C-alpha atoms as a PDB file:
ATOM      1  CA  MET A   1      72.334 129.233  19.204  1.00  0.00           C
ATOM      2  CA  ARG A   2      76.259 129.918  20.212  1.00  0.00           C
ATOM      3  CA  GLN A   3      78.535 127.374  20.135  1.00  0.00           C
ATOM      4  CA  ILE A   4      81.230 126.707  22.913  1.00  0.00           C
ATOM      5  CA  THR A   5      84.194 124.586  22.457  1.00  0.00           C
ATOM      6  CA  ILE A   6      85.679 123.318  25.262  1.00  0.00           C
ATOM      7  CA  LEU A   7      89.333 122.016  24.226  1.00  0.00           C
ATOM      8  CA  ALA A   8      91.284 119.956  26.698  1.00  0.00           C
ATOM      9  CA  ILE A   9      94.944 118.788  26.076  1.00  0.00           C
ATOM     10  CA  GLY A  10      94.339 114.980  26.694  1.00  0.00           C
ATOM     11  CA  LYS A  11      91.794 112.948  27.626  1.00  0.00           C
ATOM     12  CA  MET A  12      89.584 112.110  30.423  1.00  0.00           C
ATOM     13  CA  LYS A  13      89.913 108.814  32.503  1.00  0.00           C
ATOM     14  CA  ASP A  14      87.495 109.453  35.715  1.00  0.00           C
ATOM     15  CA  LYS A  15      84.083 107.964  35.236  1.00  0.00           C
ATOM     16  CA  ALA A  16      82.850 110.044  37.828  1.00  0.00           C
ATOM     17  CA  LEU A  17      84.039 113.474  36.597  1.00  0.00           C
ATOM     18  CA  GLU A  18      83.034 112.470  32.714  1.00  0.00           C
ATOM     19  CA  SER A  19      79.232 112.058  34.650  1.00  0.00           C
ATOM     20  CA  LEU A  20      79.517 115.397  35.983  1.00  0.00           C
ATOM     21  CA  GLN A  21      80.536 116.878  32.852  1.00  0.00           C
ATOM     22  CA  GLN A  22      77.952 115.233  30.824  1.00  0.00           C
ATOM     23  CA  GLU A  23      76.002 116.848  33.641  1.00  0.00           C
ATOM     24  CA  TYR A  24      76.472 120.150  33.137  1.00  0.00           C
ATOM     25  CA  CYS A  25      77.211 119.629  29.375  1.00  0.00           C
ATOM     26  CA  LYS A  26      72.867 118.875  29.127  1.00  0.00           C
ATOM     27  CA  ARG A  27      72.336 121.714  31.306  1.00  0.00           C
ATOM     28  CA  LEU A  28      74.227 124.309  29.166  1.00  0.00           C
ATOM     29  CA  GLN A  29      72.321 123.515  26.176  1.00  0.00           C
ATOM     30  CA  ALA A  30      69.488 125.992  27.114  1.00  0.00           C
ATOM     31  CA  PHE A  31      72.367 128.573  26.304  1.00  0.00           C
ATOM     32  CA  CYS A  32      74.602 127.212  24.074  1.00  0.00           C
ATOM     33  CA  GLU A  33      75.729 123.923  21.751  1.00  0.00           C
ATOM     34  CA  VAL A  34      78.813 122.744  23.939  1.00  0.00           C
ATOM     35  CA  ARG A  35      81.149 120.672  22.395  1.00  0.00           C
ATOM     36  CA  ILE A  36      84.149 118.667  24.164  1.00  0.00           C
ATOM     37  CA  LEU A  37      87.182 117.551  22.045  1.00  0.00           C
ATOM     38  CA  GLU A  38      90.194 116.765  23.583  1.00  0.00           C
ATOM     39  CA  VAL A  39      93.952 116.256  21.663  1.00  0.00           C
ATOM     40  CA  LYS A  40      96.608 113.834  22.666  1.00  0.00           C
ATOM     41  CA  ASP A  41      99.307 115.333  25.674  1.00  0.00           C
ATOM     42  CA  GLU A  42     102.817 114.225  25.400  1.00  0.00           C
ATOM     43  CA  ALA A  43     104.761 111.897  27.588  1.00  0.00           C
ATOM     44  CA  ASN A  44     105.807 114.026  30.937  1.00  0.00           C
ATOM     45  CA  GLU A  45     108.915 111.013  32.646  1.00  0.00           C
ATOM     46  CA  HIS A  46     111.539 113.173  31.244  1.00  0.00           C
ATOM     47  CA  THR A  47     110.311 116.622  31.013  1.00  0.00           C
ATOM     48  CA  ASP A  48     113.390 117.536  34.096  1.00  0.00           C
ATOM     49  CA  ARG A  49     115.839 117.264  30.827  1.00  0.00           C
ATOM     50  CA  PRO A  50     116.439 120.740  29.115  1.00  0.00           C
ATOM     51  CA  GLY A  51     114.218 121.560  27.167  1.00  0.00           C
ATOM     52  CA  GLU A  52     112.218 118.277  27.041  1.00  0.00           C
ATOM     53  CA  ALA A  53     109.332 120.412  28.506  1.00  0.00           C
ATOM     54  CA  GLY A  54     108.701 123.257  26.107  1.00  0.00           C
ATOM     55  CA  HIS A  55     108.818 120.524  23.299  1.00  0.00           C
ATOM     56  CA  ALA A  56     106.812 118.818  24.487  1.00  0.00           C
ATOM     57  CA  LYS A  57     104.343 121.855  25.405  1.00  0.00           C
ATOM     58  CA  ASP A  58     104.708 122.604  21.892  1.00  0.00           C
ATOM     59  CA  LEU A  59     103.523 119.907  20.166  1.00  0.00           C
ATOM     60  CA  GLU A  60     100.716 120.099  22.859  1.00  0.00           C
ATOM     61  CA  ALA A  61     100.091 123.593  21.351  1.00  0.00           C
ATOM     62  CA  GLY A  62     100.157 122.542  17.638  1.00  0.00           C
ATOM     63  CA  ARG A  63      97.965 119.799  18.146  1.00  0.00           C
ATOM     64  CA  ALA A  64      95.468 121.874  19.685  1.00  0.00           C
ATOM     65  CA  LEU A  65      95.735 124.574  17.208  1.00  0.00           C
ATOM     66  CA  GLU A  66      94.877 122.619  14.303  1.00  0.00           C
ATOM     67  CA  LYS A  67      91.661 122.685  15.675  1.00  0.00           C
ATOM     68  CA  ILE A  68      90.679 126.438  16.441  1.00  0.00           C
ATOM     69  CA  ARG A  69      89.681 128.246  13.299  1.00  0.00           C
ATOM     70  CA  PRO A  70      90.517 131.195  12.555  1.00  0.00           C
ATOM     71  CA  GLY A  71      87.543 133.566  13.426  1.00  0.00           C
ATOM     72  CA  ASP A  72      87.345 131.610  17.530  1.00  0.00           C
ATOM     73  CA  PHE A  73      87.160 133.762  20.011  1.00  0.00           C
ATOM     74  CA  VAL A  74      90.111 132.014  22.574  1.00  0.00           C
ATOM     75  CA  ILE A  75      89.665 131.679  26.091  1.00  0.00           C
ATOM     76  CA  LEU A  76      92.650 130.011  27.389  1.00  0.00           C
ATOM     77  CA  LEU A  77      93.021 128.445  31.206  1.00  0.00           C
ATOM     78  CA  ASP A  78      96.252 130.139  32.153  1.00  0.00           C
ATOM     79  CA  LEU A  79      97.930 130.165  36.209  1.00  0.00           C
ATOM     80  CA  HIS A  80      99.474 133.769  35.076  1.00  0.00           C
ATOM     81  CA  GLY A  81      95.760 134.901  33.708  1.00  0.00           C
ATOM     82  CA  THR A  82      92.935 137.124  35.452  1.00  0.00           C
ATOM     83  CA  GLU A  83      90.690 136.129  38.206  1.00  0.00           C
ATOM     84  CA  TRP A  84      87.524 137.385  37.993  1.00  0.00           C
ATOM     85  CA  THR A  85      84.500 137.132  40.453  1.00  0.00           C
ATOM     86  CA  SER A  86      81.763 134.665  38.524  1.00  0.00           C
ATOM     87  CA  GLU A  87      79.573 138.099  38.363  1.00  0.00           C
ATOM     88  CA  GLU A  88      82.575 139.684  36.574  1.00  0.00           C
ATOM     89  CA  PHE A  89      82.790 136.355  34.453  1.00  0.00           C
ATOM     90  CA  SER A  90      78.854 136.166  34.019  1.00  0.00           C
ATOM     91  CA  GLU A  91      79.515 139.740  32.286  1.00  0.00           C
ATOM     92  CA  ARG A  92      82.529 138.681  29.917  1.00  0.00           C
ATOM     93  CA  LEU A  93      80.915 135.562  28.986  1.00  0.00           C
ATOM     94  CA  GLY A  94      78.186 137.834  27.969  1.00  0.00           C
ATOM     95  CA  THR A  95      80.117 139.880  25.840  1.00  0.00           C
ATOM     96  CA  TRP A  96      81.853 137.012  24.330  1.00  0.00           C
ATOM     97  CA  ALA A  97      78.900 135.252  23.812  1.00  0.00           C
ATOM     98  CA  ASP A  98      76.837 137.573  21.787  1.00  0.00           C
ATOM     99  CA  GLY A  99      79.651 138.272  20.102  1.00  0.00           C
ATOM    100  CA  SER A 100      79.568 136.676  16.378  1.00  0.00           C
ATOM    101  CA  LYS A 101      82.563 134.212  17.160  1.00  0.00           C
ATOM    102  CA  ASN A 102      82.394 130.949  18.562  1.00  0.00           C
ATOM    103  CA  LEU A 103      84.332 130.403  21.885  1.00  0.00           C
ATOM    104  CA  VAL A 104      86.750 128.383  22.344  1.00  0.00           C
ATOM    105  CA  PHE A 105      88.068 127.210  25.945  1.00  0.00           C
ATOM    106  CA  VAL A 106      91.752 125.579  26.547  1.00  0.00           C
ATOM    107  CA  ILE A 107      93.005 123.969  28.657  1.00  0.00           C
ATOM    108  CA  ALA A 108      96.612 122.873  28.409  1.00  0.00           C
ATOM    109  CA  GLY A 109      98.452 120.289  29.639  1.00  0.00           C
ATOM    110  CA  SER A 110      99.439 119.322  32.544  1.00  0.00           C
ATOM    111  CA  LEU A 111     103.366 120.605  32.005  1.00  0.00           C
ATOM    112  CA  GLY A 112     101.739 124.459  30.457  1.00  0.00           C
ATOM    113  CA  PRO A 113     100.458 125.733  27.904  1.00  0.00           C
ATOM    114  CA  GLY A 114     102.866 125.930  25.158  1.00  0.00           C
ATOM    115  CA  GLN A 115     104.508 129.512  23.932  1.00  0.00           C
ATOM    116  CA  ALA A 116     101.936 129.278  20.527  1.00  0.00           C
ATOM    117  CA  LEU A 117      99.097 129.234  22.477  1.00  0.00           C
ATOM    118  CA  LEU A 118      99.769 131.544  24.422  1.00  0.00           C
ATOM    119  CA  GLN A 119     100.203 133.900  21.352  1.00  0.00           C
ATOM    120  CA  ARG A 120      96.482 133.036  19.683  1.00  0.00           C
ATOM    121  CA  ALA A 121      94.895 133.531  23.123  1.00  0.00           C
ATOM    122  CA  ASP A 122      92.285 136.528  23.026  1.00  0.00           C
ATOM    123  CA  VAL A 123      92.159 136.518  26.367  1.00  0.00           C
ATOM    124  CA  ARG A 124      94.242 134.374  29.234  1.00  0.00           C
ATOM    125  CA  TRP A 125      91.344 133.643  32.613  1.00  0.00           C
ATOM    126  CA  LYS A 126      93.225 131.745  35.805  1.00  0.00           C
ATOM    127  CA  LEU A 127      90.269 130.310  37.444  1.00  0.00           C
ATOM    128  CA  SER A 128      91.667 129.816  40.764  1.00  0.00           C
ATOM    129  CA  ASP A 129      94.844 130.155  42.894  1.00  0.00           C
ATOM    130  CA  LEU A 130      94.368 126.474  43.987  1.00  0.00           C
ATOM    131  CA  THR A 131      95.782 123.536  41.943  1.00  0.00           C
ATOM    132  CA  PHE A 132      93.464 121.017  40.055  1.00  0.00           C
ATOM    133  CA  THR A 133      94.269 118.380  38.309  1.00  0.00           C
ATOM    134  CA  HIS A 134      93.194 118.509  34.494  1.00  0.00           C
ATOM    135  CA  LEU A 135      90.190 116.456  34.998  1.00  0.00           C
ATOM    136  CA  MET A 136      88.734 118.065  37.224  1.00  0.00           C
ATOM    137  CA  THR A 137      89.680 121.536  35.693  1.00  0.00           C
ATOM    138  CA  ARG A 138      87.675 120.564  33.013  1.00  0.00           C
ATOM    139  CA  VAL A 139      83.719 120.302  35.095  1.00  0.00           C
ATOM    140  CA  LEU A 140      84.580 123.642  37.191  1.00  0.00           C
ATOM    141  CA  LEU A 141      85.319 125.271  33.701  1.00  0.00           C
ATOM    142  CA  LEU A 142      82.014 123.826  32.678  1.00  0.00           C
ATOM    143  CA  GLU A 143      80.837 124.930  36.811  1.00  0.00           C
ATOM    144  CA  GLN A 144      81.761 127.845  36.010  1.00  0.00           C
ATOM    145  CA  ILE A 145      80.026 128.593  32.574  1.00  0.00           C
ATOM    146  CA  TYR A 146      76.809 127.292  33.128  1.00  0.00           C
ATOM    147  CA  ARG A 147      77.073 129.778  36.402  1.00  0.00           C
ATOM    148  CA  GLY A 148      77.707 132.849  34.256  1.00  0.00           C
ATOM    149  CA  PHE A 149      74.459 131.978  32.021  1.00  0.00           C
ATOM    150  CA  MET A 150      72.678 131.436  35.359  1.00  0.00           C
ATOM    151  CA  ILE A 151      73.681 135.222  36.366  1.00  0.00           C
ATOM    152  CA  ARG A 152      73.125 136.358  33.348  1.00  0.00           C
ATOM    153  CA  ALA A 153      69.419 134.573  33.450  1.00  0.00           C
ATOM    154  CA  GLY A 154      69.082 136.484  36.389  1.00  0.00           C
ATOM    155  CA  ARG A 155      68.200 132.773  38.005  1.00  0.00           C
ATOM    156  CA  SER A 156      68.940 132.490  41.716  1.00  0.00           C
ATOM    157  CA  TYR A 157      71.699 128.666  41.101  1.00  0.00           C
ATOM    158  CA  HIS A 158      74.981 130.977  41.875  1.00  0.00           C
ATOM    159  CA  LYS A 159      73.598 132.381  45.397  1.00  0.00           C
END
């Protein structure tokens, strides 16, 4: 069974969103194995100082990269990535899931992805023009992955 990893910088701190996260992980069991990995985020009280934001992003990227294996296919959620419709995403998800690599979706920290994460990404995906909290992004990502598999399976969930 295909494995999908959600690699998130920062901890889930919201019980309601954690419950939704668990619900989508449960639903996805019909299609794949899902792992949620969290890495420590950096405090960002001094990120207005020159170089501090970049340094924090680099530290977070380094921690994230330690969790990514060389053969993984990495999809980085990025404000400068490509947007797709649900149907287009479903098609891509199918292609990626049919490949021989495990899929790793990366949600960067609140300051954005570090340069090393940008370079490691196989695909950069812009979830929306809207701004979401990083915790809510996890739930939205899981829901879109579930929707993608449901579209692929020809089920009516996505309508």
